[in-house]
N, C-alpha and C. Protein backbone atom coordinates (compact mmCIF):
# COMPACT_ATOMS: atom_id res chain seq x y z
N UNK A 1 41.35 -41.11 -0.86
CA UNK A 1 40.86 -40.46 -2.05
C UNK A 1 41.69 -40.95 -3.23
N UNK A 2 41.04 -41.20 -4.34
CA UNK A 2 41.74 -41.72 -5.51
C UNK A 2 42.36 -40.63 -6.35
N UNK A 3 43.05 -41.06 -7.35
CA UNK A 3 43.66 -40.11 -8.27
C UNK A 3 42.61 -39.61 -9.27
N UNK A 4 42.94 -38.57 -9.97
CA UNK A 4 42.00 -37.98 -10.92
C UNK A 4 41.63 -39.00 -11.98
N UNK A 5 40.33 -39.12 -12.22
CA UNK A 5 39.86 -40.00 -13.28
C UNK A 5 39.60 -41.44 -12.89
N UNK A 6 39.71 -41.79 -11.62
CA UNK A 6 39.39 -43.17 -11.25
C UNK A 6 38.05 -43.23 -10.51
N UNK A 7 37.60 -44.43 -10.25
CA UNK A 7 36.27 -44.64 -9.67
C UNK A 7 36.12 -44.05 -8.28
N UNK A 8 37.20 -43.81 -7.57
CA UNK A 8 37.10 -43.29 -6.21
C UNK A 8 36.79 -41.80 -6.19
N UNK A 9 36.89 -41.12 -7.34
CA UNK A 9 36.55 -39.70 -7.40
C UNK A 9 35.09 -39.49 -7.04
N UNK A 10 34.22 -40.37 -7.48
CA UNK A 10 32.80 -40.22 -7.22
C UNK A 10 32.17 -41.60 -7.13
N UNK A 11 32.38 -42.25 -6.02
CA UNK A 11 31.93 -43.63 -5.84
C UNK A 11 30.41 -43.75 -5.95
N UNK A 12 29.67 -42.77 -5.43
CA UNK A 12 28.21 -42.84 -5.49
C UNK A 12 27.72 -42.81 -6.94
N UNK A 13 28.28 -41.93 -7.74
CA UNK A 13 27.88 -41.84 -9.15
C UNK A 13 28.27 -43.11 -9.89
N UNK A 14 29.45 -43.65 -9.61
CA UNK A 14 29.89 -44.88 -10.26
C UNK A 14 28.95 -46.03 -9.90
N UNK A 15 28.52 -46.10 -8.65
CA UNK A 15 27.60 -47.13 -8.22
C UNK A 15 26.25 -46.99 -8.92
N UNK A 16 25.78 -45.77 -9.04
CA UNK A 16 24.51 -45.49 -9.71
C UNK A 16 24.56 -45.91 -11.18
N UNK A 17 25.63 -45.56 -11.87
CA UNK A 17 25.79 -45.94 -13.28
C UNK A 17 25.87 -47.46 -13.42
N UNK A 18 26.56 -48.11 -12.49
CA UNK A 18 26.65 -49.57 -12.53
C UNK A 18 25.27 -50.20 -12.36
N UNK A 19 24.43 -49.60 -11.52
CA UNK A 19 23.06 -50.10 -11.33
C UNK A 19 22.27 -49.96 -12.62
N UNK A 20 22.35 -48.81 -13.27
CA UNK A 20 21.64 -48.61 -14.54
C UNK A 20 22.11 -49.63 -15.58
N UNK A 21 23.41 -49.86 -15.64
CA UNK A 21 23.94 -50.82 -16.61
C UNK A 21 23.44 -52.23 -16.32
N UNK A 22 23.54 -52.67 -15.06
CA UNK A 22 23.20 -54.06 -14.75
C UNK A 22 21.70 -54.31 -14.74
N UNK A 23 20.90 -53.34 -14.31
CA UNK A 23 19.46 -53.56 -14.21
C UNK A 23 18.68 -53.15 -15.45
N UNK A 24 19.31 -52.41 -16.36
CA UNK A 24 18.57 -51.95 -17.53
C UNK A 24 19.34 -52.16 -18.83
N UNK A 25 20.47 -51.52 -18.98
CA UNK A 25 21.15 -51.48 -20.28
C UNK A 25 21.66 -52.83 -20.75
N UNK A 26 22.10 -53.68 -19.84
CA UNK A 26 22.62 -54.99 -20.25
C UNK A 26 21.53 -56.03 -20.43
N UNK A 27 20.29 -55.69 -20.09
CA UNK A 27 19.19 -56.64 -20.20
C UNK A 27 18.33 -56.45 -21.45
N UNK A 28 18.34 -55.26 -22.01
CA UNK A 28 17.44 -54.94 -23.12
C UNK A 28 18.21 -54.26 -24.24
N UNK A 29 17.58 -54.19 -25.40
CA UNK A 29 18.13 -53.41 -26.51
C UNK A 29 17.01 -52.57 -27.09
N UNK A 30 17.38 -51.46 -27.69
CA UNK A 30 16.41 -50.52 -28.25
C UNK A 30 16.77 -50.22 -29.70
N UNK A 31 15.76 -49.95 -30.53
CA UNK A 31 16.04 -49.70 -31.94
C UNK A 31 16.78 -48.39 -32.21
N UNK A 32 16.59 -47.40 -31.34
CA UNK A 32 17.25 -46.11 -31.56
C UNK A 32 17.87 -45.61 -30.27
N UNK A 33 18.78 -44.67 -30.41
CA UNK A 33 19.41 -44.05 -29.24
C UNK A 33 18.35 -43.32 -28.41
N UNK A 34 17.41 -42.64 -29.07
CA UNK A 34 16.36 -41.92 -28.36
C UNK A 34 15.52 -42.87 -27.51
N UNK A 35 15.21 -44.05 -28.03
CA UNK A 35 14.47 -45.04 -27.26
C UNK A 35 15.26 -45.46 -26.02
N UNK A 36 16.56 -45.63 -26.16
CA UNK A 36 17.41 -45.99 -25.02
C UNK A 36 17.44 -44.85 -24.00
N UNK A 37 17.56 -43.61 -24.48
CA UNK A 37 17.57 -42.47 -23.56
C UNK A 37 16.26 -42.36 -22.80
N UNK A 38 15.14 -42.59 -23.47
CA UNK A 38 13.84 -42.55 -22.80
C UNK A 38 13.72 -43.68 -21.78
N UNK A 39 14.27 -44.84 -22.09
CA UNK A 39 14.25 -45.96 -21.14
C UNK A 39 15.06 -45.63 -19.90
N UNK A 40 16.21 -44.99 -20.07
CA UNK A 40 17.03 -44.59 -18.92
C UNK A 40 16.29 -43.55 -18.09
N UNK A 41 15.68 -42.56 -18.73
CA UNK A 41 14.90 -41.55 -18.02
C UNK A 41 13.79 -42.21 -17.21
N UNK A 42 13.05 -43.11 -17.86
CA UNK A 42 11.96 -43.81 -17.19
C UNK A 42 12.48 -44.63 -16.01
N UNK A 43 13.59 -45.31 -16.20
CA UNK A 43 14.19 -46.11 -15.13
C UNK A 43 14.50 -45.24 -13.92
N UNK A 44 15.09 -44.08 -14.16
CA UNK A 44 15.50 -43.20 -13.06
C UNK A 44 14.28 -42.57 -12.40
N UNK A 45 13.43 -41.94 -13.18
CA UNK A 45 12.32 -41.15 -12.63
C UNK A 45 11.16 -41.98 -12.12
N UNK A 46 10.88 -43.11 -12.75
CA UNK A 46 9.72 -43.91 -12.36
C UNK A 46 10.11 -45.03 -11.40
N UNK A 47 11.17 -45.75 -11.72
CA UNK A 47 11.53 -46.90 -10.89
C UNK A 47 12.53 -46.56 -9.79
N UNK A 48 13.68 -46.06 -10.17
CA UNK A 48 14.79 -45.87 -9.22
C UNK A 48 14.43 -44.89 -8.10
N UNK A 49 13.84 -43.75 -8.43
CA UNK A 49 13.53 -42.74 -7.43
C UNK A 49 12.24 -43.00 -6.67
N UNK A 50 11.28 -43.68 -7.28
CA UNK A 50 9.97 -43.84 -6.65
C UNK A 50 9.74 -45.19 -6.01
N UNK A 51 10.30 -46.26 -6.59
CA UNK A 51 9.96 -47.59 -6.09
C UNK A 51 11.14 -48.40 -5.58
N UNK A 52 12.31 -48.25 -6.17
CA UNK A 52 13.44 -49.09 -5.79
C UNK A 52 13.90 -48.75 -4.38
N UNK A 53 14.03 -49.77 -3.55
CA UNK A 53 14.47 -49.56 -2.17
C UNK A 53 15.98 -49.44 -2.13
N UNK A 54 16.46 -48.60 -1.22
CA UNK A 54 17.89 -48.37 -1.07
C UNK A 54 18.29 -48.67 0.37
N UNK A 55 19.31 -49.48 0.54
CA UNK A 55 19.74 -49.87 1.88
C UNK A 55 20.23 -48.68 2.69
N UNK A 56 20.80 -47.68 2.04
CA UNK A 56 21.28 -46.51 2.78
C UNK A 56 20.14 -45.64 3.28
N UNK A 57 18.93 -45.85 2.77
CA UNK A 57 17.76 -45.09 3.22
C UNK A 57 16.84 -45.93 4.09
N UNK A 58 17.37 -46.93 4.74
CA UNK A 58 16.54 -47.79 5.57
C UNK A 58 15.54 -48.60 4.74
N UNK A 59 15.95 -49.01 3.56
CA UNK A 59 15.14 -49.78 2.61
C UNK A 59 13.88 -49.04 2.17
N UNK A 60 13.97 -47.72 2.07
CA UNK A 60 12.90 -46.89 1.52
C UNK A 60 13.34 -46.39 0.15
N UNK A 61 12.36 -46.07 -0.68
CA UNK A 61 12.72 -45.43 -1.95
C UNK A 61 13.19 -44.02 -1.65
N UNK A 62 14.00 -43.42 -2.53
CA UNK A 62 14.44 -42.05 -2.30
C UNK A 62 13.28 -41.08 -2.13
N UNK A 63 12.20 -41.28 -2.87
CA UNK A 63 11.06 -40.37 -2.78
C UNK A 63 10.40 -40.46 -1.40
N UNK A 64 10.18 -41.66 -0.89
CA UNK A 64 9.57 -41.84 0.43
C UNK A 64 10.51 -41.32 1.51
N UNK A 65 11.79 -41.60 1.37
CA UNK A 65 12.77 -41.11 2.35
C UNK A 65 12.74 -39.59 2.43
N UNK A 66 12.72 -38.93 1.28
CA UNK A 66 12.69 -37.46 1.26
C UNK A 66 11.39 -36.92 1.83
N UNK A 67 10.26 -37.55 1.50
CA UNK A 67 8.97 -37.12 2.05
C UNK A 67 8.97 -37.22 3.57
N UNK A 68 9.49 -38.31 4.10
CA UNK A 68 9.56 -38.46 5.57
C UNK A 68 10.49 -37.44 6.19
N UNK A 69 11.61 -37.20 5.54
CA UNK A 69 12.55 -36.21 6.06
C UNK A 69 11.88 -34.84 6.16
N UNK A 70 11.26 -34.39 5.06
CA UNK A 70 10.67 -33.05 5.05
C UNK A 70 9.46 -32.96 5.97
N UNK A 71 8.78 -34.06 6.26
CA UNK A 71 7.64 -34.00 7.18
C UNK A 71 8.09 -33.83 8.62
N UNK A 72 9.36 -34.15 8.91
CA UNK A 72 9.86 -34.00 10.28
C UNK A 72 10.62 -32.70 10.51
N UNK A 73 10.94 -32.00 9.43
CA UNK A 73 11.68 -30.74 9.55
C UNK A 73 10.70 -29.62 9.87
N UNK A 74 11.04 -28.85 10.88
CA UNK A 74 10.17 -27.72 11.25
C UNK A 74 10.37 -26.57 10.29
N UNK A 75 9.28 -25.95 9.95
CA UNK A 75 9.34 -24.77 9.09
C UNK A 75 9.63 -23.58 9.98
N UNK A 76 10.69 -22.82 9.66
CA UNK A 76 11.04 -21.69 10.52
C UNK A 76 10.51 -20.39 9.99
């Protein structure tokens, strides 16, 4: 475990932010901050969660992975 304030505190979040930076923020520019915020929202909600494959999920998108998980869980 890392010290307070370093990348090891939350490696998953740091990895996610790095993905947003490399796949979106460093490739494009927007005229306003609001346009950039909407682009980040769209990236997360439309692309990252619905279509982008993740190796930790068996190369499924998070949405498909969650749907499959909940379809196998018995309702008690």
